[in-house]
N, C-alpha and C. Protein backbone atom coordinates (compact mmCIF):
# COMPACT_ATOMS: atom_id res chain seq x y z
N MET A 1 -39.65 16.38 8.50
CA MET A 1 -39.31 14.99 8.70
C MET A 1 -38.45 14.47 7.54
N LYS A 2 -38.83 14.86 6.32
CA LYS A 2 -38.08 14.41 5.14
C LYS A 2 -36.65 14.95 5.19
N ARG A 3 -36.50 16.17 5.68
CA ARG A 3 -35.17 16.79 5.77
C ARG A 3 -34.29 16.03 6.78
N ILE A 4 -34.86 15.62 7.89
CA ILE A 4 -34.11 14.88 8.91
C ILE A 4 -33.63 13.54 8.35
N VAL A 5 -34.50 12.86 7.63
CA VAL A 5 -34.14 11.57 7.03
C VAL A 5 -33.02 11.77 6.01
N THR A 6 -33.10 12.82 5.21
CA THR A 6 -32.07 13.11 4.22
C THR A 6 -30.73 13.40 4.90
N VAL A 7 -30.75 14.19 5.95
CA VAL A 7 -29.52 14.53 6.68
C VAL A 7 -28.92 13.27 7.31
N LEU A 8 -29.74 12.43 7.93
CA LEU A 8 -29.23 11.20 8.54
C LEU A 8 -28.67 10.24 7.48
N ALA A 9 -29.34 10.12 6.35
CA ALA A 9 -28.85 9.25 5.28
C ALA A 9 -27.52 9.75 4.73
N THR A 10 -27.41 11.06 4.56
CA THR A 10 -26.16 11.64 4.06
C THR A 10 -25.03 11.44 5.06
N ALA A 11 -25.30 11.66 6.34
CA ALA A 11 -24.28 11.47 7.37
C ALA A 11 -23.83 10.01 7.43
N SER A 12 -24.77 9.10 7.31
CA SER A 12 -24.44 7.67 7.32
C SER A 12 -23.58 7.30 6.12
N LEU A 13 -23.91 7.81 4.96
CA LEU A 13 -23.14 7.54 3.75
C LEU A 13 -21.73 8.09 3.88
N LEU A 14 -21.59 9.31 4.37
CA LEU A 14 -20.26 9.90 4.52
C LEU A 14 -19.42 9.13 5.54
N ALA A 15 -20.02 8.68 6.61
CA ALA A 15 -19.29 7.89 7.61
C ALA A 15 -18.82 6.57 7.02
N THR A 16 -19.67 5.92 6.23
CA THR A 16 -19.31 4.66 5.59
C THR A 16 -18.17 4.84 4.60
N VAL A 17 -18.24 5.87 3.79
CA VAL A 17 -17.19 6.14 2.80
C VAL A 17 -15.88 6.46 3.50
N GLY A 18 -15.93 7.22 4.58
CA GLY A 18 -14.72 7.56 5.32
C GLY A 18 -14.03 6.34 5.90
N VAL A 19 -14.78 5.43 6.47
CA VAL A 19 -14.21 4.20 7.04
C VAL A 19 -13.66 3.32 5.94
N ALA A 20 -14.35 3.20 4.83
CA ALA A 20 -13.89 2.36 3.71
C ALA A 20 -12.57 2.89 3.16
N GLY A 21 -12.41 4.20 3.09
CA GLY A 21 -11.16 4.78 2.61
C GLY A 21 -9.99 4.46 3.51
N VAL A 22 -10.19 4.50 4.81
CA VAL A 22 -9.14 4.18 5.77
C VAL A 22 -8.78 2.70 5.68
N GLN A 23 -9.76 1.83 5.58
CA GLN A 23 -9.49 0.40 5.50
C GLN A 23 -8.80 0.04 4.19
N ALA A 24 -9.14 0.67 3.10
CA ALA A 24 -8.52 0.37 1.81
C ALA A 24 -7.07 0.80 1.79
N ASN A 25 -6.72 1.82 2.55
CA ASN A 25 -5.36 2.32 2.57
C ASN A 25 -4.39 1.31 3.18
N ASP A 26 -4.81 0.51 4.12
CA ASP A 26 -3.95 -0.46 4.79
C ASP A 26 -4.51 -1.87 4.67
N ALA A 27 -5.06 -2.19 3.52
CA ALA A 27 -5.64 -3.51 3.31
C ALA A 27 -4.55 -4.57 3.24
N PRO A 28 -4.77 -5.78 3.76
CA PRO A 28 -3.79 -6.84 3.64
C PRO A 28 -3.68 -7.29 2.18
N GLY A 29 -2.49 -7.70 1.81
CA GLY A 29 -2.31 -8.19 0.45
C GLY A 29 -1.16 -7.52 -0.26
N ASN A 30 -1.39 -7.04 -1.44
CA ASN A 30 -0.34 -6.53 -2.32
C ASN A 30 0.01 -5.09 -1.96
N ASN A 31 0.82 -4.89 -0.92
CA ASN A 31 1.16 -3.53 -0.52
C ASN A 31 2.59 -3.42 -0.02
N GLY A 32 3.53 -4.08 -0.66
CA GLY A 32 4.94 -3.99 -0.30
C GLY A 32 5.72 -3.21 -1.34
N THR A 33 7.02 -3.09 -1.14
CA THR A 33 7.91 -2.40 -2.06
C THR A 33 9.00 -3.37 -2.49
N VAL A 34 9.29 -3.43 -3.78
CA VAL A 34 10.35 -4.28 -4.31
C VAL A 34 11.39 -3.37 -4.95
N LYS A 35 12.66 -3.56 -4.57
CA LYS A 35 13.77 -2.82 -5.17
C LYS A 35 14.68 -3.81 -5.86
N ILE A 36 15.17 -3.47 -7.05
CA ILE A 36 16.03 -4.33 -7.84
C ILE A 36 17.44 -3.77 -7.79
N HIS A 37 18.44 -4.64 -7.45
CA HIS A 37 19.83 -4.21 -7.32
C HIS A 37 20.70 -4.93 -8.34
N ASP A 38 21.68 -4.24 -8.86
CA ASP A 38 22.64 -4.78 -9.80
C ASP A 38 23.61 -5.72 -9.10
N GLY A 39 23.80 -6.93 -9.63
CA GLY A 39 24.81 -7.85 -9.15
C GLY A 39 24.58 -8.39 -7.75
N PRO A 40 25.59 -9.12 -7.21
CA PRO A 40 25.44 -9.77 -5.91
C PRO A 40 25.74 -8.85 -4.72
N THR A 41 26.22 -7.64 -4.94
CA THR A 41 26.59 -6.77 -3.82
C THR A 41 25.47 -5.81 -3.47
N GLU A 42 25.59 -5.21 -2.29
CA GLU A 42 24.60 -4.25 -1.82
C GLU A 42 25.03 -2.83 -2.19
N PRO A 43 24.22 -2.09 -2.95
CA PRO A 43 24.53 -0.68 -3.16
C PRO A 43 24.21 0.11 -1.89
N ARG A 44 24.77 1.26 -1.77
CA ARG A 44 24.46 2.14 -0.64
C ARG A 44 23.69 3.33 -1.15
N PRO A 45 22.57 3.67 -0.61
CA PRO A 45 21.82 2.96 0.43
C PRO A 45 21.12 1.73 -0.14
N GLU A 46 20.71 0.83 0.74
CA GLU A 46 20.11 -0.44 0.33
C GLU A 46 18.81 -0.27 -0.45
N VAL A 47 18.08 0.82 -0.22
CA VAL A 47 16.80 1.01 -0.89
C VAL A 47 16.95 1.66 -2.27
N ARG A 48 18.17 1.84 -2.74
CA ARG A 48 18.39 2.40 -4.07
C ARG A 48 17.81 1.46 -5.13
N ASN A 49 17.25 2.01 -6.18
CA ASN A 49 16.61 1.21 -7.22
C ASN A 49 17.44 1.27 -8.50
N GLN A 50 17.76 0.11 -9.09
CA GLN A 50 18.50 0.02 -10.35
C GLN A 50 17.73 -0.92 -11.28
N PRO A 51 16.64 -0.47 -11.91
CA PRO A 51 15.75 -1.38 -12.62
C PRO A 51 16.26 -1.91 -13.96
N HIS A 52 17.31 -1.35 -14.56
CA HIS A 52 17.75 -1.78 -15.89
C HIS A 52 19.06 -2.56 -15.78
N VAL A 53 19.00 -3.77 -15.23
CA VAL A 53 20.18 -4.59 -15.03
C VAL A 53 19.94 -5.99 -15.57
N CYS A 54 21.01 -6.77 -15.75
CA CYS A 54 20.87 -8.15 -16.22
C CYS A 54 20.96 -9.14 -15.06
N THR A 55 22.02 -9.05 -14.23
CA THR A 55 22.14 -9.87 -13.04
C THR A 55 21.63 -9.06 -11.87
N PHE A 56 20.73 -9.63 -11.07
CA PHE A 56 20.14 -8.83 -10.00
C PHE A 56 19.71 -9.71 -8.84
N HIS A 57 19.44 -9.06 -7.72
CA HIS A 57 18.79 -9.70 -6.57
C HIS A 57 17.74 -8.75 -6.05
N LEU A 58 16.79 -9.27 -5.28
CA LEU A 58 15.63 -8.49 -4.86
C LEU A 58 15.59 -8.31 -3.35
N HIS A 59 15.02 -7.19 -2.92
CA HIS A 59 14.70 -6.93 -1.51
C HIS A 59 13.23 -6.56 -1.45
N PHE A 60 12.50 -7.12 -0.48
CA PHE A 60 11.09 -6.81 -0.28
C PHE A 60 10.97 -6.03 1.02
N PHE A 61 10.32 -4.86 0.96
CA PHE A 61 10.14 -4.01 2.13
C PHE A 61 8.67 -3.78 2.39
N PHE A 62 8.28 -3.69 3.64
CA PHE A 62 6.96 -3.26 4.09
C PHE A 62 5.83 -4.18 3.63
N ALA A 63 6.10 -5.45 3.41
CA ALA A 63 5.06 -6.39 3.02
C ALA A 63 4.39 -6.94 4.28
N ASP A 64 3.20 -7.47 4.11
CA ASP A 64 2.52 -8.12 5.23
C ASP A 64 3.27 -9.40 5.60
N ALA A 65 3.18 -9.80 6.84
CA ALA A 65 3.90 -10.98 7.33
C ALA A 65 3.52 -12.24 6.55
N ALA A 66 2.28 -12.38 6.15
CA ALA A 66 1.83 -13.56 5.41
C ALA A 66 2.36 -13.57 3.98
N GLN A 67 2.81 -12.44 3.45
CA GLN A 67 3.31 -12.37 2.09
C GLN A 67 4.77 -12.79 1.97
N ALA A 68 5.56 -12.52 2.99
CA ALA A 68 7.01 -12.69 2.88
C ALA A 68 7.43 -14.13 3.04
């Protein structure tokens, strides 16, 4: 009987941890991408990153609808 309870408790714990991991991967909030571009023009490709610039503009990708 003790072994059955231990197996059920372990299975329940593993199922809970598995679901929490999936939910944390796509949680709403801070999960977008920001790319910094030099000057007022668009580099090619648009997702290119140029982080060491003085004049820049930003693009936000893959953010939640409530964030943008």
